[in-house]
């Protein structure tokens, strides 16, 4: 039996058209999830955004980031 992830982790590197933190904040605002955790990777300079997993949220995240032409990577925490 496969378990659902607890969190969606979006990594936004520095080679984005806008600052990664700005993109992450705008993403959270668009999603209307209320709470998200932000972290800055000291080695790569990118931003990690952690959002609690919810049904249908992954598709909305991908769609929004693609519309912004953002460079991103998505992983999950179980």
PDB file of N, CA and C in Angstrom:
ATOM      1  N   UNK A   1       0.837  -1.192   0.000  1.00  0.00           N
ATOM      2  CA  UNK A   1       0.000   0.000   0.000  1.00  0.00           C
ATOM      3  C   UNK A   1       0.879   1.251   0.000  1.00  0.00           C
ATOM      4  N   UNK A   2       0.618   2.133  -0.933  1.00  0.00           N
ATOM      5  CA  UNK A   2       1.411   3.349  -1.063  1.00  0.00           C
ATOM      6  C   UNK A   2       0.812   4.458  -0.196  1.00  0.00           C
ATOM      7  N   UNK A   3       1.656   5.117   0.580  1.00  0.00           N
ATOM      8  CA  UNK A   3       1.177   6.207   1.421  1.00  0.00           C
ATOM      9  C   UNK A   3       1.326   7.536   0.692  1.00  0.00           C
ATOM     10  N   UNK A   4       0.438   8.442   1.002  1.00  0.00           N
ATOM     11  CA  UNK A   4       0.510   9.775   0.410  1.00  0.00           C
ATOM     12  C   UNK A   4       1.605  10.580   1.092  1.00  0.00           C
ATOM     13  N   UNK A   5       2.234  11.492   0.369  1.00  0.00           N
ATOM     14  CA  UNK A   5       3.258  12.321   0.998  1.00  0.00           C
ATOM     15  C   UNK A   5       2.633  13.266   2.023  1.00  0.00           C
ATOM     16  N   UNK A   6       3.447  13.708   2.960  1.00  0.00           N
ATOM     17  CA  UNK A   6       2.996  14.679   3.959  1.00  0.00           C
ATOM     18  C   UNK A   6       3.185  16.102   3.453  1.00  0.00           C
ATOM     19  N   UNK A   7       4.264  16.296   2.684  1.00  0.00           N
ATOM     20  CA  UNK A   7       4.568  17.632   2.176  1.00  0.00           C
ATOM     21  C   UNK A   7       5.043  17.576   0.728  1.00  0.00           C
ATOM     22  N   UNK A   8       4.756  18.649   0.017  1.00  0.00           N
ATOM     23  CA  UNK A   8       5.287  18.876  -1.317  1.00  0.00           C
ATOM     24  C   UNK A   8       6.432  19.872  -1.136  1.00  0.00           C
ATOM     25  N   UNK A   9       7.589  19.550  -1.697  1.00  0.00           N
ATOM     26  CA  UNK A   9       8.753  20.424  -1.580  1.00  0.00           C
ATOM     27  C   UNK A   9       9.093  20.954  -2.972  1.00  0.00           C
ATOM     28  N   UNK A  10       9.036  22.265  -3.121  1.00  0.00           N
ATOM     29  CA  UNK A  10       9.353  22.912  -4.394  1.00  0.00           C
ATOM     30  C   UNK A  10      10.684  23.635  -4.228  1.00  0.00           C
ATOM     31  N   UNK A  11      11.657  23.273  -5.058  1.00  0.00           N
ATOM     32  CA  UNK A  11      12.942  23.955  -5.040  1.00  0.00           C
ATOM     33  C   UNK A  11      13.015  24.894  -6.228  1.00  0.00           C
ATOM     34  N   UNK A  12      13.338  26.151  -5.946  1.00  0.00           N
ATOM     35  CA  UNK A  12      13.453  27.191  -6.970  1.00  0.00           C
ATOM     36  C   UNK A  12      14.897  27.688  -6.996  1.00  0.00           C
ATOM     37  N   UNK A  13      15.656  27.347  -8.035  1.00  0.00           N
ATOM     38  CA  UNK A  13      17.058  27.775  -8.102  1.00  0.00           C
ATOM     39  C   UNK A  13      17.187  29.250  -8.479  1.00  0.00           C
ATOM     40  N   UNK A  14      18.406  29.731  -8.417  1.00  0.00           N
ATOM     41  CA  UNK A  14      18.658  31.148  -8.685  1.00  0.00           C
ATOM     42  C   UNK A  14      18.565  31.508 -10.165  1.00  0.00           C
ATOM     43  N   UNK A  15      18.555  30.523 -11.052  1.00  0.00           N
ATOM     44  CA  UNK A  15      18.498  30.842 -12.482  1.00  0.00           C
ATOM     45  C   UNK A  15      17.057  30.981 -12.978  1.00  0.00           C
ATOM     46  N   UNK A  16      16.244  31.665 -12.207  1.00  0.00           N
ATOM     47  CA  UNK A  16      14.862  31.950 -12.554  1.00  0.00           C
ATOM     48  C   UNK A  16      14.740  33.383 -13.056  1.00  0.00           C
ATOM     49  N   UNK A  17      13.646  33.697 -13.769  1.00  0.00           N
ATOM     50  CA  UNK A  17      13.475  35.051 -14.289  1.00  0.00           C
ATOM     51  C   UNK A  17      13.249  36.093 -13.184  1.00  0.00           C
ATOM     52  N   UNK A  18      12.839  35.655 -12.000  1.00  0.00           N
ATOM     53  CA  UNK A  18      12.633  36.532 -10.841  1.00  0.00           C
ATOM     54  C   UNK A  18      13.308  35.883  -9.645  1.00  0.00           C
ATOM     55  N   UNK A  19      13.560  36.639  -8.568  1.00  0.00           N
ATOM     56  CA  UNK A  19      14.189  36.036  -7.391  1.00  0.00           C
ATOM     57  C   UNK A  19      13.381  34.840  -6.884  1.00  0.00           C
ATOM     58  N   UNK A  20      14.048  33.744  -6.526  1.00  0.00           N
ATOM     59  CA  UNK A  20      13.340  32.537  -6.101  1.00  0.00           C
ATOM     60  C   UNK A  20      12.400  32.756  -4.908  1.00  0.00           C
ATOM     61  N   UNK A  21      12.801  33.579  -3.944  1.00  0.00           N
ATOM     62  CA  UNK A  21      11.936  33.823  -2.791  1.00  0.00           C
ATOM     63  C   UNK A  21      10.645  34.511  -3.225  1.00  0.00           C
ATOM     64  N   UNK A  22      10.753  35.452  -4.133  1.00  0.00           N
ATOM     65  CA  UNK A  22       9.571  36.150  -4.653  1.00  0.00           C
ATOM     66  C   UNK A  22       8.633  35.162  -5.348  1.00  0.00           C
ATOM     67  N   UNK A  23       9.184  34.287  -6.166  1.00  0.00           N
ATOM     68  CA  UNK A  23       8.368  33.293  -6.866  1.00  0.00           C
ATOM     69  C   UNK A  23       7.672  32.389  -5.851  1.00  0.00           C
ATOM     70  N   UNK A  24       8.407  31.942  -4.839  1.00  0.00           N
ATOM     71  CA  UNK A  24       7.826  31.077  -3.811  1.00  0.00           C
ATOM     72  C   UNK A  24       6.705  31.755  -3.052  1.00  0.00           C
ATOM     73  N   UNK A  25       6.903  33.008  -2.693  1.00  0.00           N
ATOM     74  CA  UNK A  25       5.870  33.748  -1.965  1.00  0.00           C
ATOM     75  C   UNK A  25       4.629  33.950  -2.833  1.00  0.00           C
ATOM     76  N   UNK A  26       4.828  34.268  -4.103  1.00  0.00           N
ATOM     77  CA  UNK A  26       3.697  34.444  -5.006  1.00  0.00           C
ATOM     78  C   UNK A  26       2.961  33.125  -5.232  1.00  0.00           C
ATOM     79  N   UNK A  27       3.699  32.016  -5.279  1.00  0.00           N
ATOM     80  CA  UNK A  27       3.085  30.700  -5.424  1.00  0.00           C
ATOM     81  C   UNK A  27       2.181  30.403  -4.231  1.00  0.00           C
ATOM     82  N   UNK A  28       2.680  30.609  -3.026  1.00  0.00           N
ATOM     83  CA  UNK A  28       1.891  30.345  -1.816  1.00  0.00           C
ATOM     84  C   UNK A  28       0.655  31.235  -1.780  1.00  0.00           C
ATOM     85  N   UNK A  29       0.820  32.494  -2.165  1.00  0.00           N
ATOM     86  CA  UNK A  29      -0.326  33.408  -2.200  1.00  0.00           C
ATOM     87  C   UNK A  29      -1.361  32.930  -3.219  1.00  0.00           C
ATOM     88  N   UNK A  30      -0.916  32.520  -4.402  1.00  0.00           N
ATOM     89  CA  UNK A  30      -1.820  32.013  -5.434  1.00  0.00           C
ATOM     90  C   UNK A  30      -2.579  30.783  -4.944  1.00  0.00           C
ATOM     91  N   UNK A  31      -1.872  29.873  -4.285  1.00  0.00           N
ATOM     92  CA  UNK A  31      -2.498  28.636  -3.823  1.00  0.00           C
ATOM     93  C   UNK A  31      -3.486  28.871  -2.691  1.00  0.00           C
ATOM     94  N   UNK A  32      -3.270  29.932  -1.916  1.00  0.00           N
ATOM     95  CA  UNK A  32      -4.157  30.223  -0.798  1.00  0.00           C
ATOM     96  C   UNK A  32      -4.084  29.175   0.305  1.00  0.00           C
ATOM     97  N   UNK A  33      -2.908  28.559   0.469  1.00  0.00           N
ATOM     98  CA  UNK A  33      -2.756  27.496   1.465  1.00  0.00           C
ATOM     99  C   UNK A  33      -2.541  28.044   2.873  1.00  0.00           C
ATOM    100  N   UNK A  34      -2.303  29.325   2.988  1.00  0.00           N
ATOM    101  CA  UNK A  34      -2.144  29.931   4.294  1.00  0.00           C
ATOM    102  C   UNK A  34      -0.761  29.762   4.890  1.00  0.00           C
ATOM    103  N   UNK A  35      -0.306  28.530   5.010  1.00  0.00           N
ATOM    104  CA  UNK A  35       0.969  28.278   5.678  1.00  0.00           C
ATOM    105  C   UNK A  35       1.903  27.486   4.778  1.00  0.00           C
ATOM    106  N   UNK A  36       3.135  27.935   4.744  1.00  0.00           N
ATOM    107  CA  UNK A  36       4.186  27.227   4.028  1.00  0.00           C
ATOM    108  C   UNK A  36       5.497  27.542   4.729  1.00  0.00           C
ATOM    109  N   UNK A  37       6.451  26.651   4.598  1.00  0.00           N
ATOM    110  CA  UNK A  37       7.782  26.848   5.174  1.00  0.00           C
ATOM    111  C   UNK A  37       8.741  27.221   4.051  1.00  0.00           C
ATOM    112  N   UNK A  38       9.590  28.218   4.309  1.00  0.00           N
ATOM    113  CA  UNK A  38      10.581  28.647   3.330  1.00  0.00           C
ATOM    114  C   UNK A  38      11.978  28.411   3.892  1.00  0.00           C
ATOM    115  N   UNK A  39      12.876  27.987   3.026  1.00  0.00           N
ATOM    116  CA  UNK A  39      14.266  27.823   3.422  1.00  0.00           C
ATOM    117  C   UNK A  39      15.172  28.232   2.271  1.00  0.00           C
ATOM    118  N   UNK A  40      16.303  28.831   2.613  1.00  0.00           N
ATOM    119  CA  UNK A  40      17.272  29.239   1.592  1.00  0.00           C
ATOM    120  C   UNK A  40      18.447  28.280   1.647  1.00  0.00           C
ATOM    121  N   UNK A  41      18.787  27.715   0.508  1.00  0.00           N
ATOM    122  CA  UNK A  41      19.907  26.790   0.417  1.00  0.00           C
ATOM    123  C   UNK A  41      21.194  27.605   0.394  1.00  0.00           C
ATOM    124  N   UNK A  42      22.033  27.521   1.439  1.00  0.00           N
ATOM    125  CA  UNK A  42      23.236  28.354   1.498  1.00  0.00           C
ATOM    126  C   UNK A  42      24.283  28.009   0.435  1.00  0.00           C
ATOM    127  N   UNK A  43      24.262  26.793  -0.059  1.00  0.00           N
ATOM    128  CA  UNK A  43      25.243  26.410  -1.079  1.00  0.00           C
ATOM    129  C   UNK A  43      24.819  26.806  -2.479  1.00  0.00           C
ATOM    130  N   UNK A  44      23.552  26.576  -2.789  1.00  0.00           N
ATOM    131  CA  UNK A  44      23.065  26.842  -4.141  1.00  0.00           C
ATOM    132  C   UNK A  44      22.370  28.191  -4.270  1.00  0.00           C
ATOM    133  N   UNK A  45      21.957  28.780  -3.150  1.00  0.00           N
ATOM    134  CA  UNK A  45      21.297  30.076  -3.183  1.00  0.00           C
ATOM    135  C   UNK A  45      19.840  30.019  -3.581  1.00  0.00           C
ATOM    136  N   UNK A  46      19.338  28.839  -3.851  1.00  0.00           N
ATOM    137  CA  UNK A  46      17.930  28.697  -4.214  1.00  0.00           C
ATOM    138  C   UNK A  46      17.036  28.703  -2.991  1.00  0.00           C
ATOM    139  N   UNK A  47      15.750  28.590  -3.233  1.00  0.00           N
ATOM    140  CA  UNK A  47      14.753  28.611  -2.170  1.00  0.00           C
ATOM    141  C   UNK A  47      13.936  27.330  -2.211  1.00  0.00           C
ATOM    142  N   UNK A  48      13.704  26.779  -1.029  1.00  0.00           N
ATOM    143  CA  UNK A  48      12.874  25.599  -0.881  1.00  0.00           C
ATOM    144  C   UNK A  48      11.562  26.029  -0.231  1.00  0.00           C
ATOM    145  N   UNK A  49      10.446  25.616  -0.825  1.00  0.00           N
ATOM    146  CA  UNK A  49       9.126  25.913  -0.281  1.00  0.00           C
ATOM    147  C   UNK A  49       8.466  24.585   0.069  1.00  0.00           C
ATOM    148  N   UNK A  50       8.068  24.434   1.326  1.00  0.00           N
ATOM    149  CA  UNK A  50       7.394  23.213   1.770  1.00  0.00           C
ATOM    150  C   UNK A  50       5.930  23.526   2.044  1.00  0.00           C
ATOM    151  N   UNK A  51       5.064  22.746   1.404  1.00  0.00           N
ATOM    152  CA  UNK A  51       3.618  22.951   1.505  1.00  0.00           C
ATOM    153  C   UNK A  51       2.983  21.618   1.881  1.00  0.00           C
ATOM    154  N   UNK A  52       2.051  21.638   2.845  1.00  0.00           N
ATOM    155  CA  UNK A  52       1.372  20.403   3.210  1.00  0.00           C
ATOM    156  C   UNK A  52       0.648  19.830   2.007  1.00  0.00           C
ATOM    157  N   UNK A  53       0.764  18.516   1.833  1.00  0.00           N
ATOM    158  CA  UNK A  53       0.152  17.837   0.700  1.00  0.00           C
ATOM    159  C   UNK A  53      -1.365  17.866   0.811  1.00  0.00           C
ATOM    160  N   UNK A  54      -2.018  18.135  -0.297  1.00  0.00           N
ATOM    161  CA  UNK A  54      -3.481  18.061  -0.398  1.00  0.00           C
ATOM    162  C   UNK A  54      -3.822  17.587  -1.801  1.00  0.00           C
ATOM    163  N   UNK A  55      -4.901  16.872  -1.926  1.00  0.00           N
ATOM    164  CA  UNK A  55      -5.349  16.344  -3.219  1.00  0.00           C
ATOM    165  C   UNK A  55      -5.509  17.484  -4.232  1.00  0.00           C
ATOM    166  N   UNK A  56      -4.937  17.327  -5.410  1.00  0.00           N
ATOM    167  CA  UNK A  56      -5.059  18.308  -6.483  1.00  0.00           C
ATOM    168  C   UNK A  56      -4.076  19.465  -6.415  1.00  0.00           C
ATOM    169  N   UNK A  57      -3.353  19.579  -5.307  1.00  0.00           N
ATOM    170  CA  UNK A  57      -2.446  20.710  -5.134  1.00  0.00           C
ATOM    171  C   UNK A  57      -1.220  20.620  -6.048  1.00  0.00           C
ATOM    172  N   UNK A  58      -0.709  19.426  -6.241  1.00  0.00           N
ATOM    173  CA  UNK A  58       0.480  19.247  -7.077  1.00  0.00           C
ATOM    174  C   UNK A  58       0.243  19.761  -8.492  1.00  0.00           C
ATOM    175  N   UNK A  59      -0.901  19.457  -9.060  1.00  0.00           N
ATOM    176  CA  UNK A  59      -1.216  19.912 -10.419  1.00  0.00           C
ATOM    177  C   UNK A  59      -1.292  21.436 -10.487  1.00  0.00           C
ATOM    178  N   UNK A  60      -1.889  22.048  -9.472  1.00  0.00           N
ATOM    179  CA  UNK A  60      -1.992  23.518  -9.441  1.00  0.00           C
ATOM    180  C   UNK A  60      -0.612  24.157  -9.330  1.00  0.00           C
ATOM    181  N   UNK A  61       0.259  23.549  -8.528  1.00  0.00           N
ATOM    182  CA  UNK A  61       1.619  24.075  -8.367  1.00  0.00           C
ATOM    183  C   UNK A  61       2.366  24.020  -9.696  1.00  0.00           C
ATOM    184  N   UNK A  62       2.361  22.856 -10.326  1.00  0.00           N
ATOM    185  CA  UNK A  62       3.063  22.702 -11.613  1.00  0.00           C
ATOM    186  C   UNK A  62       2.531  23.669 -12.672  1.00  0.00           C
ATOM    187  N   UNK A  63       1.223  23.759 -12.762  1.00  0.00           N
ATOM    188  CA  UNK A  63       0.604  24.633 -13.756  1.00  0.00           C
ATOM    189  C   UNK A  63       1.011  26.082 -13.540  1.00  0.00           C
ATOM    190  N   UNK A  64       0.953  26.552 -12.310  1.00  0.00           N
ATOM    191  CA  UNK A  64       1.289  27.947 -12.022  1.00  0.00           C
ATOM    192  C   UNK A  64       2.760  28.227 -12.323  1.00  0.00           C
ATOM    193  N   UNK A  65       3.648  27.340 -11.872  1.00  0.00           N
ATOM    194  CA  UNK A  65       5.078  27.539 -12.108  1.00  0.00           C
ATOM    195  C   UNK A  65       5.412  27.528 -13.603  1.00  0.00           C
ATOM    196  N   UNK A  66       4.760  26.666 -14.355  1.00  0.00           N
ATOM    197  CA  UNK A  66       4.994  26.626 -15.796  1.00  0.00           C
ATOM    198  C   UNK A  66       4.508  27.908 -16.467  1.00  0.00           C
ATOM    199  N   UNK A  67       3.398  28.457 -16.013  1.00  0.00           N
ATOM    200  CA  UNK A  67       2.905  29.733 -16.568  1.00  0.00           C
ATOM    201  C   UNK A  67       3.879  30.866 -16.276  1.00  0.00           C
ATOM    202  N   UNK A  68       4.571  30.780 -15.142  1.00  0.00           N
ATOM    203  CA  UNK A  68       5.555  31.806 -14.775  1.00  0.00           C
ATOM    204  C   UNK A  68       6.899  31.577 -15.470  1.00  0.00           C
ATOM    205  N   UNK A  69       7.001  30.479 -16.221  1.00  0.00           N
ATOM    206  CA  UNK A  69       8.240  30.071 -16.866  1.00  0.00           C
ATOM    207  C   UNK A  69       9.370  29.904 -15.854  1.00  0.00           C
ATOM    208  N   UNK A  70       9.002  29.396 -14.680  1.00  0.00           N
ATOM    209  CA  UNK A  70       9.961  29.200 -13.600  1.00  0.00           C
ATOM    210  C   UNK A  70      10.718  27.886 -13.783  1.00  0.00           C
ATOM    211  N   UNK A  71      11.946  27.893 -13.319  1.00  0.00           N
ATOM    212  CA  UNK A  71      12.755  26.684 -13.241  1.00  0.00           C
ATOM    213  C   UNK A  71      12.506  26.130 -11.850  1.00  0.00           C
ATOM    214  N   UNK A  72      12.130  24.840 -11.758  1.00  0.00           N
ATOM    215  CA  UNK A  72      11.790  24.279 -10.450  1.00  0.00           C
ATOM    216  C   UNK A  72      12.008  22.775 -10.443  1.00  0.00           C
ATOM    217  N   UNK A  73      12.053  22.248  -9.235  1.00  0.00           N
ATOM    218  CA  UNK A  73      12.130  20.812  -9.008  1.00  0.00           C
ATOM    219  C   UNK A  73      11.174  20.498  -7.862  1.00  0.00           C
ATOM    220  N   UNK A  74      10.403  19.435  -8.008  1.00  0.00           N
ATOM    221  CA  UNK A  74       9.436  19.055  -6.974  1.00  0.00           C
ATOM    222  C   UNK A  74       9.803  17.689  -6.422  1.00  0.00           C
ATOM    223  N   UNK A  75       9.835  17.602  -5.095  1.00  0.00           N
ATOM    224  CA  UNK A  75      10.031  16.331  -4.401  1.00  0.00           C
ATOM    225  C   UNK A  75       8.971  16.240  -3.297  1.00  0.00           C
ATOM    226  N   UNK A  76       8.993  15.126  -2.581  1.00  0.00           N
ATOM    227  CA  UNK A  76       7.981  14.917  -1.537  1.00  0.00           C
ATOM    228  C   UNK A  76       8.646  14.445  -0.253  1.00  0.00           C
ATOM    229  N   UNK A  77       8.022  14.763   0.860  1.00  0.00           N
ATOM    230  CA  UNK A  77       8.419  14.225   2.159  1.00  0.00           C
ATOM    231  C   UNK A  77       7.302  13.305   2.612  1.00  0.00           C
ATOM    232  N   UNK A  78       7.681  12.095   3.010  1.00  0.00           N
ATOM    233  CA  UNK A  78       6.689  11.109   3.461  1.00  0.00           C
ATOM    234  C   UNK A  78       6.717  10.980   4.964  1.00  0.00           C
TER     235      UNK A  78
END
